Amino acid sequence: MMMQDILLPVLYLPNASYFKTIKDAEGDLLLERFENYPKQTFRTRTQISTANGVLELFVPIQHGRKERVAMKDVRINYDHPWQRLHWLSLQTAYRSSAYFEYYEDDLLPFYEKKYEFLMDFHVDQLTLLLKLLKLKKEIKFTDSYQELESAEHDFRKIIHPKKPSLITDQKPYYQLFEDKNGFIPNLSVIDLLFSQGPQAKNYL
């Protein structure tokens, strides 16, 4: 029997449930390129933990006159220095964590290089994160937008800020501000990586 690939959206520094889905999948990853860019999703935002609680980081995009833009055609907006601000936020939140320096040089290029397209930015980040998490999966891409007959392998609309996490009981790990905020589940997977390093995969 052929193993079925899972269909995923491309997200910014995806959360733990995104990678738990990948870890549990038998097949490889099929990334959606042709969906119309959906607003108010994790396509352009991620969540990290800070001394003041959860902080959302947003990647600004160019909004054209056309209402509907395919995900593969969405361009990043550099009118404001969001890369510098995101990197400062990551440093401020995580520089004291056990593995920040271990991964710092891997992540810094995403806050120096100017990518034209959001999709390319996300795919390069995902490729790196899969490697850091030791998840050996091949990345493939859709060649058109299709509704699947079975929703079992379709995660395009499930991993969403307004929907519950796909991890019902995330295994707690040490978080820097836990004494102040309590354990916060399902943050960006970098929160887990900076805390647990090479053991991060075991907490998914």
C-alpha atoms as a PDB file:
ATOM      1  CA  MET A   1       0.000   0.000   0.000  1.00  0.00           C
ATOM      2  CA  MET A   2       1.330   3.418  -0.949  1.00  0.00           C
ATOM      3  CA  MET A   3       1.957   5.814   1.930  1.00  0.00           C
ATOM      4  CA  GLN A   4      -0.125   8.955   1.559  1.00  0.00           C
ATOM      5  CA  ASP A   5       1.586  12.337   1.661  1.00  0.00           C
ATOM      6  CA  ILE A   6       0.100  14.982   3.945  1.00  0.00           C
ATOM      7  CA  LEU A   7      -1.070  18.269   2.465  1.00  0.00           C
ATOM      8  CA  LEU A   8       0.154  21.268   4.447  1.00  0.00           C
ATOM      9  CA  PRO A   9       0.090  25.047   4.149  1.00  0.00           C
ATOM     10  CA  VAL A  10       3.379  26.959   4.291  1.00  0.00           C
ATOM     11  CA  LEU A  11       3.633  28.881   7.567  1.00  0.00           C
ATOM     12  CA  TYR A  12       6.015  31.267   9.309  1.00  0.00           C
ATOM     13  CA  LEU A  13       8.167  29.469  11.917  1.00  0.00           C
ATOM     14  CA  PRO A  14       5.383  26.884  12.350  1.00  0.00           C
ATOM     15  CA  ASN A  15       4.128  25.737  15.726  1.00  0.00           C
ATOM     16  CA  ALA A  16       4.657  22.431  17.494  1.00  0.00           C
ATOM     17  CA  SER A  17       1.412  20.891  16.202  1.00  0.00           C
ATOM     18  CA  TYR A  18       2.571  21.451  12.600  1.00  0.00           C
ATOM     19  CA  PHE A  19       5.719  19.421  13.248  1.00  0.00           C
ATOM     20  CA  LYS A  20       3.877  16.824  15.335  1.00  0.00           C
ATOM     21  CA  THR A  21       1.671  16.274  12.263  1.00  0.00           C
ATOM     22  CA  ILE A  22       4.793  15.857  10.123  1.00  0.00           C
ATOM     23  CA  LYS A  23       6.437  13.505  12.626  1.00  0.00           C
ATOM     24  CA  ASP A  24       3.342  11.275  12.806  1.00  0.00           C
ATOM     25  CA  ALA A  25       2.802  11.146   9.039  1.00  0.00           C
ATOM     26  CA  GLU A  26       3.789   8.007   7.152  1.00  0.00           C
ATOM     27  CA  GLY A  27       4.272   9.796   3.842  1.00  0.00           C
ATOM     28  CA  ASP A  28       6.123  12.940   2.809  1.00  0.00           C
ATOM     29  CA  LEU A  29       5.040  16.588   2.744  1.00  0.00           C
ATOM     30  CA  LEU A  30       2.962  18.117  -0.017  1.00  0.00           C
ATOM     31  CA  LEU A  31       3.027  21.905   0.312  1.00  0.00           C
ATOM     32  CA  GLU A  32       0.144  23.969  -1.027  1.00  0.00           C
ATOM     33  CA  ARG A  33       1.250  26.593  -3.569  1.00  0.00           C
ATOM     34  CA  PHE A  34      -2.012  27.489  -5.283  1.00  0.00           C
ATOM     35  CA  GLU A  35      -4.442  28.312  -2.491  1.00  0.00           C
ATOM     36  CA  ASN A  36      -5.657  31.917  -2.418  1.00  0.00           C
ATOM     37  CA  TYR A  37      -3.723  33.652   0.333  1.00  0.00           C
ATOM     38  CA  PRO A  38      -5.951  33.434   3.445  1.00  0.00           C
ATOM     39  CA  LYS A  39      -5.835  36.390   5.840  1.00  0.00           C
ATOM     40  CA  GLN A  40      -5.458  36.108   9.629  1.00  0.00           C
ATOM     41  CA  THR A  41      -3.705  32.746   9.595  1.00  0.00           C
ATOM     42  CA  PHE A  42      -0.242  31.451  10.473  1.00  0.00           C
ATOM     43  CA  ARG A  43       0.844  32.068   6.838  1.00  0.00           C
ATOM     44  CA  THR A  44       2.357  35.342   8.045  1.00  0.00           C
ATOM     45  CA  ARG A  45       2.476  35.047  11.820  1.00  0.00           C
ATOM     46  CA  THR A  46       4.139  33.022  14.541  1.00  0.00           C
ATOM     47  CA  GLN A  47       3.942  32.971  18.334  1.00  0.00           C
ATOM     48  CA  ILE A  48       6.868  33.044  20.722  1.00  0.00           C
ATOM     49  CA  SER A  49       7.138  33.253  24.512  1.00  0.00           C
ATOM     50  CA  THR A  50       8.477  36.389  26.209  1.00  0.00           C
ATOM     51  CA  ALA A  51       8.665  37.711  29.769  1.00  0.00           C
ATOM     52  CA  ASN A  52       5.299  39.386  29.097  1.00  0.00           C
ATOM     53  CA  GLY A  53       3.581  36.315  27.692  1.00  0.00           C
ATOM     54  CA  VAL A  54       2.911  35.307  24.096  1.00  0.00           C
ATOM     55  CA  LEU A  55       4.224  37.660  21.408  1.00  0.00           C
ATOM     56  CA  GLU A  56       2.973  37.419  17.839  1.00  0.00           C
ATOM     57  CA  LEU A  57       5.419  38.261  15.057  1.00  0.00           C
ATOM     58  CA  PHE A  58       3.995  39.190  11.650  1.00  0.00           C
ATOM     59  CA  VAL A  59       5.687  39.119   8.239  1.00  0.00           C
ATOM     60  CA  PRO A  60       4.242  42.047   6.257  1.00  0.00           C
ATOM     61  CA  ILE A  61       3.163  41.336   2.693  1.00  0.00           C
ATOM     62  CA  GLN A  62       2.447  43.480  -0.320  1.00  0.00           C
ATOM     63  CA  HIS A  63      -1.259  43.962  -0.900  1.00  0.00           C
ATOM     64  CA  GLY A  64      -2.087  44.493  -4.539  1.00  0.00           C
ATOM     65  CA  ARG A  65      -5.382  45.551  -6.031  1.00  0.00           C
ATOM     66  CA  LYS A  66      -6.323  41.975  -6.744  1.00  0.00           C
ATOM     67  CA  GLU A  67      -8.217  40.449  -3.858  1.00  0.00           C
ATOM     68  CA  ARG A  68      -7.170  36.890  -4.628  1.00  0.00           C
ATOM     69  CA  VAL A  69      -3.482  36.065  -4.854  1.00  0.00           C
ATOM     70  CA  ALA A  70      -2.119  32.532  -5.024  1.00  0.00           C
ATOM     71  CA  MET A  71       0.164  31.713  -2.121  1.00  0.00           C
ATOM     72  CA  LYS A  72       3.108  31.183  -4.501  1.00  0.00           C
ATOM     73  CA  ASP A  73       2.741  34.783  -5.748  1.00  0.00           C
ATOM     74  CA  VAL A  74       2.563  36.601  -2.394  1.00  0.00           C
ATOM     75  CA  ARG A  75       5.433  39.083  -2.057  1.00  0.00           C
ATOM     76  CA  ILE A  76       7.059  40.236   1.172  1.00  0.00           C
ATOM     77  CA  ASN A  77       6.900  43.931   2.037  1.00  0.00           C
ATOM     78  CA  TYR A  78      10.134  45.592   3.225  1.00  0.00           C
ATOM     79  CA  ASP A  79       8.797  49.130   3.771  1.00  0.00           C
ATOM     80  CA  HIS A  80       9.480  48.675   7.489  1.00  0.00           C
ATOM     81  CA  PRO A  81      12.508  46.916   9.064  1.00  0.00           C
ATOM     82  CA  TRP A  82      10.495  43.895  10.241  1.00  0.00           C
ATOM     83  CA  GLN A  83      13.476  41.526   9.867  1.00  0.00           C
ATOM     84  CA  ARG A  84      15.563  43.531  12.329  1.00  0.00           C
ATOM     85  CA  LEU A  85      12.627  43.791  14.735  1.00  0.00           C
ATOM     86  CA  HIS A  86      11.864  40.057  14.562  1.00  0.00           C
ATOM     87  CA  TRP A  87      15.486  39.148  15.155  1.00  0.00           C
ATOM     88  CA  LEU A  88      15.688  41.530  18.126  1.00  0.00           C
ATOM     89  CA  SER A  89      12.518  39.950  19.527  1.00  0.00           C
ATOM     90  CA  LEU A  90      13.968  36.445  19.146  1.00  0.00           C
ATOM     91  CA  GLN A  91      17.228  37.493  20.788  1.00  0.00           C
ATOM     92  CA  THR A  92      15.446  39.229  23.667  1.00  0.00           C
ATOM     93  CA  ALA A  93      13.132  36.261  24.268  1.00  0.00           C
ATOM     94  CA  TYR A  94      15.641  33.446  23.862  1.00  0.00           C
ATOM     95  CA  ARG A  95      19.237  34.572  24.269  1.00  0.00           C
ATOM     96  CA  SER A  96      19.284  33.061  27.787  1.00  0.00           C
ATOM     97  CA  SER A  97      17.898  29.708  26.647  1.00  0.00           C
ATOM     98  CA  ALA A  98      20.143  26.659  26.576  1.00  0.00           C
ATOM     99  CA  TYR A  99      20.426  26.306  22.794  1.00  0.00           C
ATOM    100  CA  PHE A 100      19.928  29.789  21.323  1.00  0.00           C
ATOM    101  CA  GLU A 101      23.615  30.190  20.472  1.00  0.00           C
ATOM    102  CA  TYR A 102      23.644  26.647  19.084  1.00  0.00           C
ATOM    103  CA  TYR A 103      21.076  27.563  16.401  1.00  0.00           C
ATOM    104  CA  GLU A 104      21.639  31.315  16.072  1.00  0.00           C
ATOM    105  CA  ASP A 105      23.848  31.117  12.961  1.00  0.00           C
ATOM    106  CA  ASP A 106      21.329  28.845  11.218  1.00  0.00           C
ATOM    107  CA  LEU A 107      18.440  31.268  11.711  1.00  0.00           C
ATOM    108  CA  LEU A 108      20.143  34.640  11.302  1.00  0.00           C
ATOM    109  CA  PRO A 109      20.274  34.523   7.453  1.00  0.00           C
ATOM    110  CA  PHE A 110      16.452  34.657   7.351  1.00  0.00           C
ATOM    111  CA  TYR A 111      16.664  38.076   8.978  1.00  0.00           C
ATOM    112  CA  GLU A 112      19.408  39.381   6.681  1.00  0.00           C
ATOM    113  CA  LYS A 113      18.532  38.084   3.216  1.00  0.00           C
ATOM    114  CA  LYS A 114      15.630  39.751   1.438  1.00  0.00           C
ATOM    115  CA  TYR A 115      13.366  37.138  -0.108  1.00  0.00           C
ATOM    116  CA  GLU A 116      10.977  38.406  -2.762  1.00  0.00           C
ATOM    117  CA  PHE A 117       8.337  35.732  -2.246  1.00  0.00           C
ATOM    118  CA  LEU A 118       6.807  34.607   1.048  1.00  0.00           C
ATOM    119  CA  MET A 119       6.659  31.005  -0.187  1.00  0.00           C
ATOM    120  CA  ASP A 120      10.425  30.828  -0.801  1.00  0.00           C
ATOM    121  CA  PHE A 121      11.126  32.325   2.621  1.00  0.00           C
ATOM    122  CA  HIS A 122       8.879  29.775   4.352  1.00  0.00           C
ATOM    123  CA  VAL A 123      10.106  26.754   2.379  1.00  0.00           C
ATOM    124  CA  ASP A 124      13.762  27.523   3.130  1.00  0.00           C
ATOM    125  CA  GLN A 125      12.902  27.925   6.826  1.00  0.00           C
ATOM    126  CA  LEU A 126      10.917  24.686   6.827  1.00  0.00           C
ATOM    127  CA  THR A 127      13.802  22.827   5.167  1.00  0.00           C
ATOM    128  CA  LEU A 128      16.128  24.048   7.923  1.00  0.00           C
ATOM    129  CA  LEU A 129      13.695  23.250  10.754  1.00  0.00           C
ATOM    130  CA  LEU A 130      13.109  19.711   9.465  1.00  0.00           C
ATOM    131  CA  LYS A 131      16.873  19.198   9.483  1.00  0.00           C
ATOM    132  CA  LEU A 132      17.295  20.633  12.997  1.00  0.00           C
ATOM    133  CA  LEU A 133      14.439  18.433  14.275  1.00  0.00           C
ATOM    134  CA  LYS A 134      15.896  15.376  12.514  1.00  0.00           C
ATOM    135  CA  LEU A 135      12.645  14.779  10.610  1.00  0.00           C
ATOM    136  CA  LYS A 136      13.577  13.078   7.367  1.00  0.00           C
ATOM    137  CA  LYS A 137      10.755  14.011   5.005  1.00  0.00           C
ATOM    138  CA  GLU A 138      10.791  14.947   1.354  1.00  0.00           C
ATOM    139  CA  ILE A 139       9.162  18.257   0.414  1.00  0.00           C
ATOM    140  CA  LYS A 140       6.886  18.212  -2.644  1.00  0.00           C
ATOM    141  CA  PHE A 141       4.604  20.895  -4.072  1.00  0.00           C
ATOM    142  CA  THR A 142       1.079  20.961  -5.442  1.00  0.00           C
ATOM    143  CA  ASP A 143       0.718  21.746  -9.160  1.00  0.00           C
ATOM    144  CA  SER A 144      -2.864  23.030  -8.840  1.00  0.00           C
ATOM    145  CA  TYR A 145      -5.444  23.691  -6.130  1.00  0.00           C
ATOM    146  CA  GLN A 146      -7.642  20.712  -5.419  1.00  0.00           C
ATOM    147  CA  GLU A 147     -10.170  19.741  -2.811  1.00  0.00           C
ATOM    148  CA  LEU A 148      -9.307  16.296  -1.502  1.00  0.00           C
ATOM    149  CA  GLU A 149     -11.970  13.588  -1.376  1.00  0.00           C
ATOM    150  CA  SER A 150     -10.778  12.671   2.090  1.00  0.00           C
ATOM    151  CA  ALA A 151      -9.891  15.345   4.632  1.00  0.00           C
ATOM    152  CA  GLU A 152      -7.773  12.883   6.601  1.00  0.00           C
ATOM    153  CA  HIS A 153      -4.488  14.056   5.058  1.00  0.00           C
ATOM    154  CA  ASP A 154      -5.470  17.696   4.424  1.00  0.00           C
ATOM    155  CA  PHE A 155      -4.154  20.128   7.055  1.00  0.00           C
ATOM    156  CA  ARG A 156      -4.502  23.357   5.052  1.00  0.00           C
ATOM    157  CA  LYS A 157      -7.321  24.781   7.170  1.00  0.00           C
ATOM    158  CA  ILE A 158      -6.846  22.897  10.433  1.00  0.00           C
ATOM    159  CA  ILE A 159      -3.640  24.511  11.744  1.00  0.00           C
ATOM    160  CA  HIS A 160      -5.138  27.938  12.427  1.00  0.00           C
ATOM    161  CA  PRO A 161      -4.928  30.598  15.183  1.00  0.00           C
ATOM    162  CA  LYS A 162      -8.668  30.300  15.876  1.00  0.00           C
ATOM    163  CA  LYS A 163      -8.729  26.492  15.989  1.00  0.00           C
ATOM    164  CA  PRO A 164      -7.563  24.174  18.786  1.00  0.00           C
ATOM    165  CA  SER A 165      -4.071  22.726  18.710  1.00  0.00           C
ATOM    166  CA  LEU A 166      -3.653  19.319  17.094  1.00  0.00           C
ATOM    167  CA  ILE A 167      -1.612  18.333  20.150  1.00  0.00           C
ATOM    168  CA  THR A 168      -4.119  17.584  22.877  1.00  0.00           C
ATOM    169  CA  ASP A 169      -1.556  17.033  25.618  1.00  0.00           C
ATOM    170  CA  GLN A 170       1.827  18.431  24.689  1.00  0.00           C
ATOM    171  CA  LYS A 171       4.642  16.989  26.767  1.00  0.00           C
ATOM    172  CA  PRO A 172       5.864  19.936  28.878  1.00  0.00           C
ATOM    173  CA  TYR A 173       9.444  21.108  28.502  1.00  0.00           C
ATOM    174  CA  TYR A 174      11.340  23.841  30.328  1.00  0.00           C
ATOM    175  CA  GLN A 175      10.401  27.361  29.187  1.00  0.00           C
ATOM    176  CA  LEU A 176      12.395  30.407  30.273  1.00  0.00           C
ATOM    177  CA  PHE A 177       9.421  32.358  31.611  1.00  0.00           C
ATOM    178  CA  GLU A 178       7.449  29.413  32.953  1.00  0.00           C
ATOM    179  CA  ASP A 179       7.607  30.687  36.531  1.00  0.00           C
ATOM    180  CA  LYS A 180       5.804  33.836  35.351  1.00  0.00           C
ATOM    181  CA  ASN A 181       3.556  32.596  32.535  1.00  0.00           C
ATOM    182  CA  GLY A 182       3.121  28.898  33.269  1.00  0.00           C
ATOM    183  CA  PHE A 183       3.803  26.376  30.513  1.00  0.00           C
ATOM    184  CA  ILE A 184       2.504  27.666  27.153  1.00  0.00           C
ATOM    185  CA  PRO A 185       1.840  24.837  24.672  1.00  0.00           C
ATOM    186  CA  ASN A 186       2.008  24.928  20.883  1.00  0.00           C
ATOM    187  CA  LEU A 187       4.284  27.915  20.395  1.00  0.00           C
ATOM    188  CA  SER A 188       6.578  28.196  17.382  1.00  0.00           C
ATOM    189  CA  VAL A 189       8.770  25.113  17.264  1.00  0.00           C
ATOM    190  CA  ILE A 190      11.813  27.362  17.764  1.00  0.00           C
ATOM    191  CA  ASP A 191      10.695  27.771  21.400  1.00  0.00           C
ATOM    192  CA  LEU A 192      11.123  24.011  21.770  1.00  0.00           C
ATOM    193  CA  LEU A 193      14.383  23.929  19.811  1.00  0.00           C
ATOM    194  CA  PHE A 194      15.973  26.712  21.864  1.00  0.00           C
ATOM    195  CA  SER A 195      14.994  24.879  25.052  1.00  0.00           C
ATOM    196  CA  GLN A 196      15.735  21.251  24.181  1.00  0.00           C
ATOM    197  CA  GLY A 197      18.175  21.393  21.266  1.00  0.00           C
ATOM    198  CA  PRO A 198      18.843  18.003  19.617  1.00  0.00           C
ATOM    199  CA  GLN A 199      16.258  16.356  21.935  1.00  0.00           C
ATOM    200  CA  ALA A 200      13.419  18.599  20.700  1.00  0.00           C
ATOM    201  CA  LYS A 201      11.894  15.909  18.475  1.00  0.00           C
ATOM    202  CA  ASN A 202      11.102  13.805  21.559  1.00  0.00           C
ATOM    203  CA  TYR A 203       8.651  16.482  22.769  1.00  0.00           C
ATOM    204  CA  LEU A 204       6.514  16.442  19.634  1.00  0.00           C
END
